[in-house]
PDB file of N, CA and C in Angstrom:
ATOM      1  N   MET A   1     107.325 120.269 133.243  1.00  0.00           N
ATOM      2  CA  MET A   1     106.736 119.730 132.038  1.00  0.00           C
ATOM      3  C   MET A   1     105.484 118.952 132.395  1.00  0.00           C
ATOM      4  N   LEU A   2     104.379 119.272 131.781  1.00  0.00           N
ATOM      5  CA  LEU A   2     103.106 118.597 132.007  1.00  0.00           C
ATOM      6  C   LEU A   2     103.032 117.356 131.135  1.00  0.00           C
ATOM      7  N   ILE A   3     102.723 116.236 131.758  1.00  0.00           N
ATOM      8  CA  ILE A   3     102.606 114.982 131.027  1.00  0.00           C
ATOM      9  C   ILE A   3     101.129 114.656 130.866  1.00  0.00           C
ATOM     10  N   MET A   4     100.689 114.531 129.650  1.00  0.00           N
ATOM     11  CA  MET A   4      99.289 114.210 129.378  1.00  0.00           C
ATOM     12  C   MET A   4      99.113 112.694 129.386  1.00  0.00           C
ATOM     13  N   ARG A   5      98.021 112.241 129.950  1.00  0.00           N
ATOM     14  CA  ARG A   5      97.736 110.814 129.989  1.00  0.00           C
ATOM     15  C   ARG A   5      97.142 110.372 128.656  1.00  0.00           C
ATOM     16  N   SER A   6      97.563 109.205 128.198  1.00  0.00           N
ATOM     17  CA  SER A   6      97.049 108.694 126.926  1.00  0.00           C
ATOM     18  C   SER A   6      95.861 107.767 127.129  1.00  0.00           C
ATOM     19  N   GLN A   7      95.598 107.370 128.370  1.00  0.00           N
ATOM     20  CA  GLN A   7      94.481 106.484 128.677  1.00  0.00           C
ATOM     21  C   GLN A   7      93.465 107.236 129.533  1.00  0.00           C
ATOM     22  N   PRO A   8      92.186 106.932 129.372  1.00  0.00           N
ATOM     23  CA  PRO A   8      91.196 107.580 130.235  1.00  0.00           C
ATOM     24  C   PRO A   8      91.382 107.160 131.692  1.00  0.00           C
ATOM     25  N   THR A   9      90.999 108.018 132.577  1.00  0.00           N
ATOM     26  CA  THR A   9      91.133 107.762 133.995  1.00  0.00           C
ATOM     27  C   THR A   9      89.933 106.960 134.488  1.00  0.00           C
ATOM     28  N   ASN A  10      90.181 105.990 135.331  1.00  0.00           N
ATOM     29  CA  ASN A  10      89.122 105.235 135.965  1.00  0.00           C
ATOM     30  C   ASN A  10      88.590 106.069 137.126  1.00  0.00           C
ATOM     31  N   ILE A  11      87.353 106.538 137.013  1.00  0.00           N
ATOM     32  CA  ILE A  11      86.784 107.442 138.016  1.00  0.00           C
ATOM     33  C   ILE A  11      86.687 106.770 139.378  1.00  0.00           C
ATOM     34  N   ILE A  12      86.429 105.473 139.407  1.00  0.00           N
ATOM     35  CA  ILE A  12      86.327 104.771 140.689  1.00  0.00           C
ATOM     36  C   ILE A  12      87.696 104.725 141.366  1.00  0.00           C
ATOM     37  N   ALA A  13      88.740 104.409 140.617  1.00  0.00           N
ATOM     38  CA  ALA A  13      90.090 104.377 141.194  1.00  0.00           C
ATOM     39  C   ALA A  13      90.486 105.760 141.705  1.00  0.00           C
ATOM     40  N   ALA A  14      90.182 106.786 140.939  1.00  0.00           N
ATOM     41  CA  ALA A  14      90.508 108.153 141.356  1.00  0.00           C
ATOM     42  C   ALA A  14      89.740 108.528 142.624  1.00  0.00           C
ATOM     43  N   MET A  15      88.467 108.149 142.667  1.00  0.00           N
ATOM     44  CA  MET A  15      87.641 108.437 143.835  1.00  0.00           C
ATOM     45  C   MET A  15      88.175 107.704 145.064  1.00  0.00           C
ATOM     46  N   LEU A  16      88.490 106.424 144.913  1.00  0.00           N
ATOM     47  CA  LEU A  16      88.992 105.638 146.039  1.00  0.00           C
ATOM     48  C   LEU A  16      90.302 106.194 146.588  1.00  0.00           C
ATOM     49  N   GLU A  17      91.167 106.654 145.686  1.00  0.00           N
ATOM     50  CA  GLU A  17      92.427 107.242 146.132  1.00  0.00           C
ATOM     51  C   GLU A  17      92.164 108.457 147.020  1.00  0.00           C
ATOM     52  N   MET A  18      91.281 109.336 146.586  1.00  0.00           N
ATOM     53  CA  MET A  18      90.989 110.542 147.366  1.00  0.00           C
ATOM     54  C   MET A  18      90.262 110.202 148.661  1.00  0.00           C
ATOM     55  N   LEU A  19      89.330 109.247 148.610  1.00  0.00           N
ATOM     56  CA  LEU A  19      88.632 108.841 149.828  1.00  0.00           C
ATOM     57  C   LEU A  19      89.622 108.331 150.869  1.00  0.00           C
ATOM     58  N   ALA A  20      90.605 107.565 150.441  1.00  0.00           N
ATOM     59  CA  ALA A  20      91.620 107.041 151.367  1.00  0.00           C
ATOM     60  C   ALA A  20      92.447 108.175 151.969  1.00  0.00           C
ATOM     61  N   VAL A  21      92.814 109.144 151.148  1.00  0.00           N
ATOM     62  CA  VAL A  21      93.568 110.300 151.654  1.00  0.00           C
ATOM     63  C   VAL A  21      92.753 111.027 152.719  1.00  0.00           C
ATOM     64  N   PHE A  22      91.487 111.274 152.424  1.00  0.00           N
ATOM     65  CA  PHE A  22      90.651 112.046 153.343  1.00  0.00           C
ATOM     66  C   PHE A  22      90.278 111.256 154.591  1.00  0.00           C
ATOM     67  N   LYS A  23      90.175 109.946 154.454  1.00  0.00           N
ATOM     68  CA  LYS A  23      89.886 109.122 155.628  1.00  0.00           C
ATOM     69  C   LYS A  23      90.997 109.277 156.660  1.00  0.00           C
ATOM     70  N   GLY A  24      92.219 109.457 156.200  1.00  0.00           N
ATOM     71  CA  GLY A  24      93.337 109.641 157.115  1.00  0.00           C
ATOM     72  C   GLY A  24      93.465 111.044 157.663  1.00  0.00           C
ATOM     73  N   ALA A  25      92.648 111.977 157.170  1.00  0.00           N
ATOM     74  CA  ALA A  25      92.803 113.374 157.571  1.00  0.00           C
ATOM     75  C   ALA A  25      91.554 113.999 158.196  1.00  0.00           C
ATOM     76  N   CYS A  26      90.401 113.395 157.993  1.00  0.00           N
ATOM     77  CA  CYS A  26      89.142 113.975 158.494  1.00  0.00           C
ATOM     78  C   CYS A  26      88.754 113.350 159.829  1.00  0.00           C
ATOM     79  N   GLU A  27      88.071 114.133 160.635  1.00  0.00           N
ATOM     80  CA  GLU A  27      87.567 113.625 161.911  1.00  0.00           C
ATOM     81  C   GLU A  27      86.402 112.675 161.699  1.00  0.00           C
ATOM     82  N   ASP A  28      85.436 113.083 160.892  1.00  0.00           N
ATOM     83  CA  ASP A  28      84.241 112.273 160.640  1.00  0.00           C
ATOM     84  C   ASP A  28      84.517 111.371 159.438  1.00  0.00           C
ATOM     85  N   VAL A  29      84.707 110.090 159.703  1.00  0.00           N
ATOM     86  CA  VAL A  29      85.022 109.164 158.615  1.00  0.00           C
ATOM     87  C   VAL A  29      83.872 108.194 158.309  1.00  0.00           C
ATOM     88  N   GLU A  30      82.764 108.332 158.992  1.00  0.00           N
ATOM     89  CA  GLU A  30      81.664 107.380 158.841  1.00  0.00           C
ATOM     90  C   GLU A  30      81.189 107.278 157.389  1.00  0.00           C
ATOM     91  N   THR A  31      80.864 108.399 156.767  1.00  0.00           N
ATOM     92  CA  THR A  31      80.369 108.321 155.386  1.00  0.00           C
ATOM     93  C   THR A  31      81.520 108.142 154.393  1.00  0.00           C
ATOM     94  N   LEU A  32      82.728 108.539 154.746  1.00  0.00           N
ATOM     95  CA  LEU A  32      83.886 108.221 153.902  1.00  0.00           C
ATOM     96  C   LEU A  32      84.049 106.701 153.824  1.00  0.00           C
ATOM     97  N   ASP A  33      83.924 106.025 154.962  1.00  0.00           N
ATOM     98  CA  ASP A  33      84.001 104.560 154.987  1.00  0.00           C
ATOM     99  C   ASP A  33      82.900 103.935 154.138  1.00  0.00           C
ATOM    100  N   ARG A  34      81.699 104.452 154.284  1.00  0.00           N
ATOM    101  CA  ARG A  34      80.572 103.908 153.515  1.00  0.00           C
ATOM    102  C   ARG A  34      80.789 104.097 152.020  1.00  0.00           C
ATOM    103  N   LEU A  35      81.317 105.245 151.634  1.00  0.00           N
ATOM    104  CA  LEU A  35      81.607 105.490 150.218  1.00  0.00           C
ATOM    105  C   LEU A  35      82.675 104.530 149.706  1.00  0.00           C
ATOM    106  N   MET A  36      83.704 104.304 150.498  1.00  0.00           N
ATOM    107  CA  MET A  36      84.772 103.392 150.075  1.00  0.00           C
ATOM    108  C   MET A  36      84.232 101.978 149.883  1.00  0.00           C
ATOM    109  N   THR A  37      83.427 101.524 150.823  1.00  0.00           N
ATOM    110  CA  THR A  37      82.828 100.186 150.714  1.00  0.00           C
ATOM    111  C   THR A  37      81.947 100.095 149.482  1.00  0.00           C
ATOM    112  N   MET A  38      81.137 101.122 149.263  1.00  0.00           N
ATOM    113  CA  MET A  38      80.227 101.133 148.123  1.00  0.00           C
ATOM    114  C   MET A  38      80.990 101.176 146.803  1.00  0.00           C
ATOM    115  N   ALA A  39      82.007 101.997 146.722  1.00  0.00           N
ATOM    116  CA  ALA A  39      82.751 102.147 145.469  1.00  0.00           C
ATOM    117  C   ALA A  39      83.429 100.844 145.059  1.00  0.00           C
ATOM    118  N   CYS A  40      83.768 100.017 146.034  1.00  0.00           N
ATOM    119  CA  CYS A  40      84.468  98.753 145.751  1.00  0.00           C
ATOM    120  C   CYS A  40      83.538  97.631 145.301  1.00  0.00           C
ATOM    121  N   ASP A  41      82.239  97.866 145.345  1.00  0.00           N
ATOM    122  CA  ASP A  41      81.279  96.810 145.009  1.00  0.00           C
ATOM    123  C   ASP A  41      80.189  97.365 144.092  1.00  0.00           C
ATOM    124  N   ARG A  42      80.321  97.069 142.821  1.00  0.00           N
ATOM    125  CA  ARG A  42      79.380  97.568 141.813  1.00  0.00           C
ATOM    126  C   ARG A  42      77.918  97.278 142.186  1.00  0.00           C
ATOM    127  N   GLU A  43      77.683  96.174 142.846  1.00  0.00           N
ATOM    128  CA  GLU A  43      76.314  95.808 143.247  1.00  0.00           C
ATOM    129  C   GLU A  43      75.720  96.793 144.259  1.00  0.00           C
ATOM    130  N   LYS A  44      76.563  97.557 144.923  1.00  0.00           N
ATOM    131  CA  LYS A  44      76.105  98.507 145.942  1.00  0.00           C
ATOM    132  C   LYS A  44      75.934  99.927 145.409  1.00  0.00           C
ATOM    133  N   TRP A  45      76.326 100.170 144.174  1.00  0.00           N
ATOM    134  CA  TRP A  45      76.304 101.529 143.654  1.00  0.00           C
ATOM    135  C   TRP A  45      74.913 102.162 143.672  1.00  0.00           C
ATOM    136  N   ALA A  46      73.871 101.379 143.469  1.00  0.00           N
ATOM    137  CA  ALA A  46      72.512 101.936 143.481  1.00  0.00           C
ATOM    138  C   ALA A  46      72.161 102.525 144.849  1.00  0.00           C
ATOM    139  N   GLY A  47      72.877 102.096 145.889  1.00  0.00           N
ATOM    140  CA  GLY A  47      72.670 102.661 147.220  1.00  0.00           C
ATOM    141  C   GLY A  47      73.224 104.065 147.359  1.00  0.00           C
ATOM    142  N   GLY A  48      73.852 104.562 146.310  1.00  0.00           N
ATOM    143  CA  GLY A  48      74.400 105.909 146.340  1.00  0.00           C
ATOM    144  C   GLY A  48      73.353 106.978 146.577  1.00  0.00           C
ATOM    145  N   HIS A  49      72.132 106.725 146.115  1.00  0.00           N
ATOM    146  CA  HIS A  49      71.063 107.721 146.306  1.00  0.00           C
ATOM    147  C   HIS A  49      70.740 107.878 147.784  1.00  0.00           C
ATOM    148  N   SER A  50      70.593 106.763 148.470  1.00  0.00           N
ATOM    149  CA  SER A  50      70.313 106.801 149.902  1.00  0.00           C
ATOM    150  C   SER A  50      71.491 107.395 150.675  1.00  0.00           C
ATOM    151  N   LEU A  51      72.698 107.010 150.290  1.00  0.00           N
ATOM    152  CA  LEU A  51      73.884 107.550 150.953  1.00  0.00           C
ATOM    153  C   LEU A  51      73.990 109.055 150.729  1.00  0.00           C
ATOM    154  N   PHE A  52      73.670 109.516 149.517  1.00  0.00           N
ATOM    155  CA  PHE A  52      73.648 110.953 149.253  1.00  0.00           C
ATOM    156  C   PHE A  52      72.714 111.657 150.242  1.00  0.00           C
ATOM    157  N   SER A  53      71.539 111.097 150.457  1.00  0.00           N
ATOM    158  CA  SER A  53      70.567 111.711 151.384  1.00  0.00           C
ATOM    159  C   SER A  53      71.137 111.802 152.796  1.00  0.00           C
ATOM    160  N   ASP A  54      71.824 110.762 153.227  1.00  0.00           N
ATOM    161  CA  ASP A  54      72.435 110.780 154.564  1.00  0.00           C
ATOM    162  C   ASP A  54      73.518 111.863 154.638  1.00  0.00           C
ATOM    163  N   ILE A  55      74.340 111.948 153.614  1.00  0.00           N
ATOM    164  CA  ILE A  55      75.403 112.963 153.593  1.00  0.00           C
ATOM    165  C   ILE A  55      74.791 114.357 153.535  1.00  0.00           C
ATOM    166  N   ARG A  56      73.708 114.503 152.786  1.00  0.00           N
ATOM    167  CA  ARG A  56      73.056 115.815 152.652  1.00  0.00           C
ATOM    168  C   ARG A  56      72.615 116.342 154.015  1.00  0.00           C
ATOM    169  N   GLN A  57      72.163 115.455 154.887  1.00  0.00           N
ATOM    170  CA  GLN A  57      71.779 115.879 156.235  1.00  0.00           C
ATOM    171  C   GLN A  57      72.986 116.429 156.995  1.00  0.00           C
ATOM    172  N   LYS A  58      74.128 115.800 156.820  1.00  0.00           N
ATOM    173  CA  LYS A  58      75.355 116.296 157.438  1.00  0.00           C
ATOM    174  C   LYS A  58      75.737 117.655 156.859  1.00  0.00           C
ATOM    175  N   THR A  59      75.563 117.800 155.549  1.00  0.00           N
ATOM    176  CA  THR A  59      75.877 119.073 154.894  1.00  0.00           C
ATOM    177  C   THR A  59      75.030 120.195 155.475  1.00  0.00           C
ATOM    178  N   LYS A  60      73.758 119.941 155.638  1.00  0.00           N
ATOM    179  CA  LYS A  60      72.853 120.960 156.180  1.00  0.00           C
ATOM    180  C   LYS A  60      73.286 121.381 157.584  1.00  0.00           C
ATOM    181  N   ARG A  61      73.649 120.404 158.422  1.00  0.00           N
ATOM    182  CA  ARG A  61      74.106 120.740 159.779  1.00  0.00           C
ATOM    183  C   ARG A  61      75.399 121.559 159.723  1.00  0.00           C
ATOM    184  N   ALA A  62      76.325 121.161 158.850  1.00  0.00           N
ATOM    185  CA  ALA A  62      77.593 121.896 158.721  1.00  0.00           C
ATOM    186  C   ALA A  62      77.346 123.323 158.250  1.00  0.00           C
ATOM    187  N   GLU A  63      76.412 123.494 157.325  1.00  0.00           N
ATOM    188  CA  GLU A  63      76.085 124.844 156.837  1.00  0.00           C
ATOM    189  C   GLU A  63      75.469 125.682 157.946  1.00  0.00           C
ATOM    190  N   GLU A  64      74.599 125.086 158.736  1.00  0.00           N
ATOM    191  CA  GLU A  64      73.988 125.811 159.854  1.00  0.00           C
ATOM    192  C   GLU A  64      75.044 126.253 160.860  1.00  0.00           C
ATOM    193  N   GLN A  65      76.060 125.418 161.068  1.00  0.00           N
ATOM    194  CA  GLN A  65      77.125 125.723 162.023  1.00  0.00           C
ATOM    195  C   GLN A  65      78.221 126.583 161.406  1.00  0.00           C
ATOM    196  N   GLY A  66      78.196 126.743 160.082  1.00  0.00           N
ATOM    197  CA  GLY A  66      79.204 127.551 159.407  1.00  0.00           C
ATOM    198  C   GLY A  66      80.591 126.941 159.450  1.00  0.00           C
ATOM    199  N   ASP A  67      80.669 125.614 159.386  1.00  0.00           N
ATOM    200  CA  ASP A  67      81.949 124.911 159.460  1.00  0.00           C
ATOM    201  C   ASP A  67      82.493 124.662 158.053  1.00  0.00           C
ATOM    202  N   PRO A  68      83.476 125.465 157.588  1.00  0.00           N
ATOM    203  CA  PRO A  68      83.955 125.337 156.211  1.00  0.00           C
ATOM    204  C   PRO A  68      84.615 123.992 155.906  1.00  0.00           C
ATOM    205  N   LEU A  69      85.283 123.398 156.889  1.00  0.00           N
ATOM    206  CA  LEU A  69      85.914 122.097 156.655  1.00  0.00           C
ATOM    207  C   LEU A  69      84.860 121.020 156.422  1.00  0.00           C
ATOM    208  N   GLU A  70      83.867 120.974 157.274  1.00  0.00           N
ATOM    209  CA  GLU A  70      82.817 119.971 157.097  1.00  0.00           C
ATOM    210  C   GLU A  70      82.007 120.234 155.841  1.00  0.00           C
ATOM    211  N   ILE A  71      81.754 121.483 155.520  1.00  0.00           N
ATOM    212  CA  ILE A  71      81.025 121.804 154.292  1.00  0.00           C
ATOM    213  C   ILE A  71      81.795 121.268 153.088  1.00  0.00           C
ATOM    214  N   ALA A  72      83.105 121.477 153.063  1.00  0.00           N
ATOM    215  CA  ALA A  72      83.930 120.982 151.956  1.00  0.00           C
ATOM    216  C   ALA A  72      83.935 119.458 151.923  1.00  0.00           C
ATOM    217  N   GLN A  73      84.046 118.825 153.087  1.00  0.00           N
ATOM    218  CA  GLN A  73      84.069 117.363 153.137  1.00  0.00           C
ATOM    219  C   GLN A  73      82.770 116.785 152.592  1.00  0.00           C
ATOM    220  N   TYR A  74      81.663 117.309 153.051  1.00  0.00           N
ATOM    221  CA  TYR A  74      80.385 116.718 152.657  1.00  0.00           C
ATOM    222  C   TYR A  74      80.020 117.053 151.216  1.00  0.00           C
ATOM    223  N   ALA A  75      80.483 118.194 150.706  1.00  0.00           N
ATOM    224  CA  ALA A  75      80.260 118.490 149.281  1.00  0.00           C
ATOM    225  C   ALA A  75      80.985 117.453 148.428  1.00  0.00           C
ATOM    226  N   PHE A  76      82.225 117.124 148.812  1.00  0.00           N
ATOM    227  CA  PHE A  76      82.974 116.092 148.105  1.00  0.00           C
ATOM    228  C   PHE A  76      82.264 114.743 148.219  1.00  0.00           C
ATOM    229  N   GLU A  77      81.854 114.388 149.415  1.00  0.00           N
ATOM    230  CA  GLU A  77      81.170 113.114 149.620  1.00  0.00           C
ATOM    231  C   GLU A  77      79.870 113.032 148.819  1.00  0.00           C
ATOM    232  N   GLU A  78      79.116 114.122 148.798  1.00  0.00           N
ATOM    233  CA  GLU A  78      77.856 114.130 148.050  1.00  0.00           C
ATOM    234  C   GLU A  78      78.082 113.802 146.575  1.00  0.00           C
ATOM    235  N   VAL A  79      79.085 114.424 145.972  1.00  0.00           N
ATOM    236  CA  VAL A  79      79.319 114.213 144.549  1.00  0.00           C
ATOM    237  C   VAL A  79      79.818 112.791 144.289  1.00  0.00           C
ATOM    238  N   CYS A  80      80.534 112.215 145.234  1.00  0.00           N
ATOM    239  CA  CYS A  80      80.946 110.813 145.090  1.00  0.00           C
ATOM    240  C   CYS A  80      79.729 109.892 145.121  1.00  0.00           C
ATOM    241  N   ALA A  81      78.826 110.135 146.061  1.00  0.00           N
ATOM    242  CA  ALA A  81      77.610 109.317 146.151  1.00  0.00           C
ATOM    243  C   ALA A  81      76.758 109.468 144.891  1.00  0.00           C
ATOM    244  N   LYS A  82      76.626 110.698 144.399  1.00  0.00           N
ATOM    245  CA  LYS A  82      75.864 110.926 143.163  1.00  0.00           C
ATOM    246  C   LYS A  82      76.478 110.159 141.993  1.00  0.00           C
ATOM    247  N   THR A  83      77.788 110.202 141.903  1.00  0.00           N
ATOM    248  CA  THR A  83      78.495 109.529 140.810  1.00  0.00           C
ATOM    249  C   THR A  83      78.273 108.029 140.871  1.00  0.00           C
ATOM    250  N   LEU A  84      78.400 107.449 142.047  1.00  0.00           N
ATOM    251  CA  LEU A  84      78.190 106.007 142.183  1.00  0.00           C
ATOM    252  C   LEU A  84      76.769 105.630 141.781  1.00  0.00           C
ATOM    253  N   TYR A  85      75.804 106.414 142.240  1.00  0.00           N
ATOM    254  CA  TYR A  85      74.415 106.129 141.878  1.00  0.00           C
ATOM    255  C   TYR A  85      74.235 106.207 140.360  1.00  0.00           C
ATOM    256  N   ASN A  86      74.751 107.253 139.749  1.00  0.00           N
ATOM    257  CA  ASN A  86      74.606 107.388 138.294  1.00  0.00           C
ATOM    258  C   ASN A  86      75.264 106.229 137.558  1.00  0.00           C
ATOM    259  N   LEU A  87      76.418 105.783 138.024  1.00  0.00           N
ATOM    260  CA  LEU A  87      77.110 104.666 137.379  1.00  0.00           C
ATOM    261  C   LEU A  87      76.343 103.353 137.508  1.00  0.00           C
ATOM    262  N   SER A  88      75.426 103.285 138.476  1.00  0.00           N
ATOM    263  CA  SER A  88      74.644 102.061 138.660  1.00  0.00           C
ATOM    264  C   SER A  88      73.631 101.863 137.539  1.00  0.00           C
ATOM    265  N   GLY A  89      73.336 102.931 136.807  1.00  0.00           N
ATOM    266  CA  GLY A  89      72.346 102.840 135.733  1.00  0.00           C
ATOM    267  C   GLY A  89      70.916 102.856 136.234  1.00  0.00           C
ATOM    268  N   SER A  90      70.723 103.219 137.493  1.00  0.00           N
ATOM    269  CA  SER A  90      69.382 103.265 138.072  1.00  0.00           C
ATOM    270  C   SER A  90      68.575 104.421 137.494  1.00  0.00           C
ATOM    271  N   ASN A  91      67.271 104.360 137.705  1.00  0.00           N
ATOM    272  CA  ASN A  91      66.370 105.410 137.233  1.00  0.00           C
ATOM    273  C   ASN A  91      66.601 106.717 137.981  1.00  0.00           C
ATOM    274  N   ALA A  92      66.204 107.803 137.366  1.00  0.00           N
ATOM    275  CA  ALA A  92      66.264 109.146 137.942  1.00  0.00           C
ATOM    276  C   ALA A  92      67.673 109.501 138.423  1.00  0.00           C
ATOM    277  N   PRO A  93      68.641 109.512 137.512  1.00  0.00           N
ATOM    278  CA  PRO A  93      70.021 109.830 137.912  1.00  0.00           C
ATOM    279  C   PRO A  93      70.166 111.289 138.348  1.00  0.00           C
ATOM    280  N   PHE A  94      71.233 111.529 139.079  1.00  0.00           N
ATOM    281  CA  PHE A  94      71.602 112.898 139.432  1.00  0.00           C
ATOM    282  C   PHE A  94      72.152 113.572 138.171  1.00  0.00           C
ATOM    283  N   ASP A  95      72.543 114.826 138.283  1.00  0.00           N
ATOM    284  CA  ASP A  95      73.103 115.553 137.144  1.00  0.00           C
ATOM    285  C   ASP A  95      74.245 114.758 136.522  1.00  0.00           C
ATOM    286  N   PRO A  96      74.292 114.705 135.190  1.00  0.00           N
ATOM    287  CA  PRO A  96      75.321 113.893 134.533  1.00  0.00           C
ATOM    288  C   PRO A  96      76.749 114.425 134.718  1.00  0.00           C
ATOM    289  N   ASP A  97      76.893 115.673 135.167  1.00  0.00           N
ATOM    290  CA  ASP A  97      78.238 116.215 135.357  1.00  0.00           C
ATOM    291  C   ASP A  97      78.818 115.888 136.736  1.00  0.00           C
ATOM    292  N   SER A  98      78.131 115.090 137.518  1.00  0.00           N
ATOM    293  CA  SER A  98      78.597 114.771 138.870  1.00  0.00           C
ATOM    294  C   SER A  98      80.040 114.273 138.911  1.00  0.00           C
ATOM    295  N   PRO A  99      80.456 113.341 138.043  1.00  0.00           N
ATOM    296  CA  PRO A  99      81.849 112.871 138.112  1.00  0.00           C
ATOM    297  C   PRO A  99      82.874 113.990 137.891  1.00  0.00           C
ATOM    298  N   PHE A 100      82.512 114.983 137.102  1.00  0.00           N
ATOM    299  CA  PHE A 100      83.410 116.102 136.835  1.00  0.00           C
ATOM    300  C   PHE A 100      83.811 116.817 138.125  1.00  0.00           C
ATOM    301  N   TRP A 101      82.920 116.861 139.097  1.00  0.00           N
ATOM    302  CA  TRP A 101      83.132 117.643 140.310  1.00  0.00           C
ATOM    303  C   TRP A 101      83.949 116.919 141.376  1.00  0.00           C
ATOM    304  N   ILE A 102      84.239 115.639 141.180  1.00  0.00           N
ATOM    305  CA  ILE A 102      84.996 114.902 142.189  1.00  0.00           C
ATOM    306  C   ILE A 102      86.364 115.544 142.424  1.00  0.00           C
ATOM    307  N   LEU A 103      87.098 115.789 141.385  1.00  0.00           N
ATOM    308  CA  LEU A 103      88.444 116.342 141.550  1.00  0.00           C
ATOM    309  C   LEU A 103      88.418 117.779 142.087  1.00  0.00           C
ATOM    310  N   PRO A 104      87.639 118.700 141.518  1.00  0.00           N
ATOM    311  CA  PRO A 104      87.636 120.065 142.072  1.00  0.00           C
ATOM    312  C   PRO A 104      87.184 120.130 143.533  1.00  0.00           C
ATOM    313  N   LEU A 105      86.159 119.354 143.877  1.00  0.00           N
ATOM    314  CA  LEU A 105      85.700 119.381 145.266  1.00  0.00           C
ATOM    315  C   LEU A 105      86.690 118.665 146.185  1.00  0.00           C
ATOM    316  N   GLY A 106      87.377 117.655 145.666  1.00  0.00           N
ATOM    317  CA  GLY A 106      88.440 117.014 146.429  1.00  0.00           C
ATOM    318  C   GLY A 106      89.582 117.980 146.699  1.00  0.00           C
ATOM    319  N   LEU A 107      89.928 118.783 145.702  1.00  0.00           N
ATOM    320  CA  LEU A 107      90.981 119.785 145.894  1.00  0.00           C
ATOM    321  C   LEU A 107      90.562 120.837 146.912  1.00  0.00           C
ATOM    322  N   ALA A 108      89.304 121.241 146.872  1.00  0.00           N
ATOM    323  CA  ALA A 108      88.806 122.218 147.849  1.00  0.00           C
ATOM    324  C   ALA A 108      88.894 121.643 149.262  1.00  0.00           C
ATOM    325  N   LEU A 109      88.525 120.380 149.416  1.00  0.00           N
ATOM    326  CA  LEU A 109      88.636 119.731 150.729  1.00  0.00           C
ATOM    327  C   LEU A 109      90.101 119.638 151.141  1.00  0.00           C
ATOM    328  N   GLY A 110      90.964 119.281 150.220  1.00  0.00           N
ATOM    329  CA  GLY A 110      92.393 119.218 150.521  1.00  0.00           C
ATOM    330  C   GLY A 110      92.932 120.553 151.032  1.00  0.00           C
ATOM    331  N   ARG A 111      92.504 121.636 150.394  1.00  0.00           N
ATOM    332  CA  ARG A 111      92.935 122.974 150.848  1.00  0.00           C
ATOM    333  C   ARG A 111      92.446 123.233 152.274  1.00  0.00           C
ATOM    334  N   GLU A 112      91.194 122.876 152.557  1.00  0.00           N
ATOM    335  CA  GLU A 112      90.644 123.074 153.907  1.00  0.00           C
ATOM    336  C   GLU A 112      91.419 122.258 154.937  1.00  0.00           C
ATOM    337  N   LEU A 113      91.911 121.098 154.522  1.00  0.00           N
ATOM    338  CA  LEU A 113      92.670 120.239 155.421  1.00  0.00           C
ATOM    339  C   LEU A 113      94.139 120.657 155.534  1.00  0.00           C
ATOM    340  N   GLY A 114      94.548 121.620 154.708  1.00  0.00           N
ATOM    341  CA  GLY A 114      95.905 122.135 154.783  1.00  0.00           C
ATOM    342  C   GLY A 114      96.907 121.467 153.862  1.00  0.00           C
ATOM    343  N   PHE A 115      96.441 120.685 152.914  1.00  0.00           N
ATOM    344  CA  PHE A 115      97.359 120.089 151.944  1.00  0.00           C
ATOM    345  C   PHE A 115      97.879 121.197 151.041  1.00  0.00           C
ATOM    346  N   GLY A 116      99.199 121.287 150.920  1.00  0.00           N
ATOM    347  CA  GLY A 116      99.812 122.351 150.139  1.00  0.00           C
ATOM    348  C   GLY A 116      99.932 122.056 148.655  1.00  0.00           C
ATOM    349  N   GLU A 117      99.999 120.790 148.305  1.00  0.00           N
ATOM    350  CA  GLU A 117     100.173 120.385 146.912  1.00  0.00           C
ATOM    351  C   GLU A 117      98.965 119.590 146.432  1.00  0.00           C
ATOM    352  N   PRO A 118      98.408 119.923 145.270  1.00  0.00           N
ATOM    353  CA  PRO A 118      97.284 119.153 144.742  1.00  0.00           C
ATOM    354  C   PRO A 118      97.594 117.663 144.591  1.00  0.00           C
ATOM    355  N   SER A 119      98.848 117.326 144.314  1.00  0.00           N
ATOM    356  CA  SER A 119      99.210 115.918 144.143  1.00  0.00           C
ATOM    357  C   SER A 119      99.101 115.129 145.449  1.00  0.00           C
ATOM    358  N   GLN A 120      98.980 115.820 146.590  1.00  0.00           N
ATOM    359  CA  GLN A 120      98.756 115.135 147.863  1.00  0.00           C
ATOM    360  C   GLN A 120      97.334 114.589 147.940  1.00  0.00           C
ATOM    361  N   VAL A 121      96.446 115.161 147.147  1.00  0.00           N
ATOM    362  CA  VAL A 121      95.042 114.762 147.129  1.00  0.00           C
ATOM    363  C   VAL A 121      94.810 113.708 146.061  1.00  0.00           C
ATOM    364  N   SER A 122      95.458 113.843 144.917  1.00  0.00           N
ATOM    365  CA  SER A 122      95.252 112.905 143.802  1.00  0.00           C
ATOM    366  C   SER A 122      96.519 112.770 142.993  1.00  0.00           C
ATOM    367  N   SER A 123      96.890 111.538 142.702  1.00  0.00           N
ATOM    368  CA  SER A 123      98.061 111.296 141.857  1.00  0.00           C
ATOM    369  C   SER A 123      97.827 111.758 140.421  1.00  0.00           C
ATOM    370  N   LEU A 124      96.578 112.014 140.061  1.00  0.00           N
ATOM    371  CA  LEU A 124      96.279 112.550 138.728  1.00  0.00           C
ATOM    372  C   LEU A 124      96.912 113.924 138.529  1.00  0.00           C
ATOM    373  N   LEU A 125      97.251 114.573 139.625  1.00  0.00           N
ATOM    374  CA  LEU A 125      97.754 115.943 139.567  1.00  0.00           C
ATOM    375  C   LEU A 125      99.271 116.030 139.740  1.00  0.00           C
ATOM    376  N   LYS A 126      99.948 114.892 139.663  1.00  0.00           N
ATOM    377  CA  LYS A 126     101.403 114.913 139.754  1.00  0.00           C
ATOM    378  C   LYS A 126     101.966 115.441 138.451  1.00  0.00           C
ATOM    379  N   MET A 127     102.945 116.298 138.568  1.00  0.00           N
ATOM    380  CA  MET A 127     103.565 116.877 137.370  1.00  0.00           C
ATOM    381  C   MET A 127     105.000 116.455 137.303  1.00  0.00           C
TER     382      MET A 127
END
C-alpha cells in the first residue's frame, strides 16, 4: 500500500539524508562534505555556484575516464549544488527544475553503488 504524504517535503532535509548515505558509500567524499556543510547553513547557499563549477570539473574527468560510478555521483552532486544556489535567491539561477532531479539522480547513484532498494537512498521512498 502506497502512503501519500500530506505535507510537502523539505528539499534540504531530503538532500542531507541522501548526502549522508552517499558519504558512507563513495570513495570521493570531498565535495559530498562540502555540500553537506553548505546545505546546513543558509548563508552559504550562494556558494553553490562555485561549488557546482568545482564538481563540474570532476564530472568532466569522470566522463573522460568513462567511470559510470563517478559520473553518477557527480551528476547528483551537481544538481544539489545548483539547487542550493537557486534557493539562495542569487542572480542568474540555474534551471528551475534542478530540485526535481535530486531524487532521480540520487537513485541512479544508489543503483551504481549497488543499493537494491530505493528506500536505502531516501526515506521518501519507503512503502
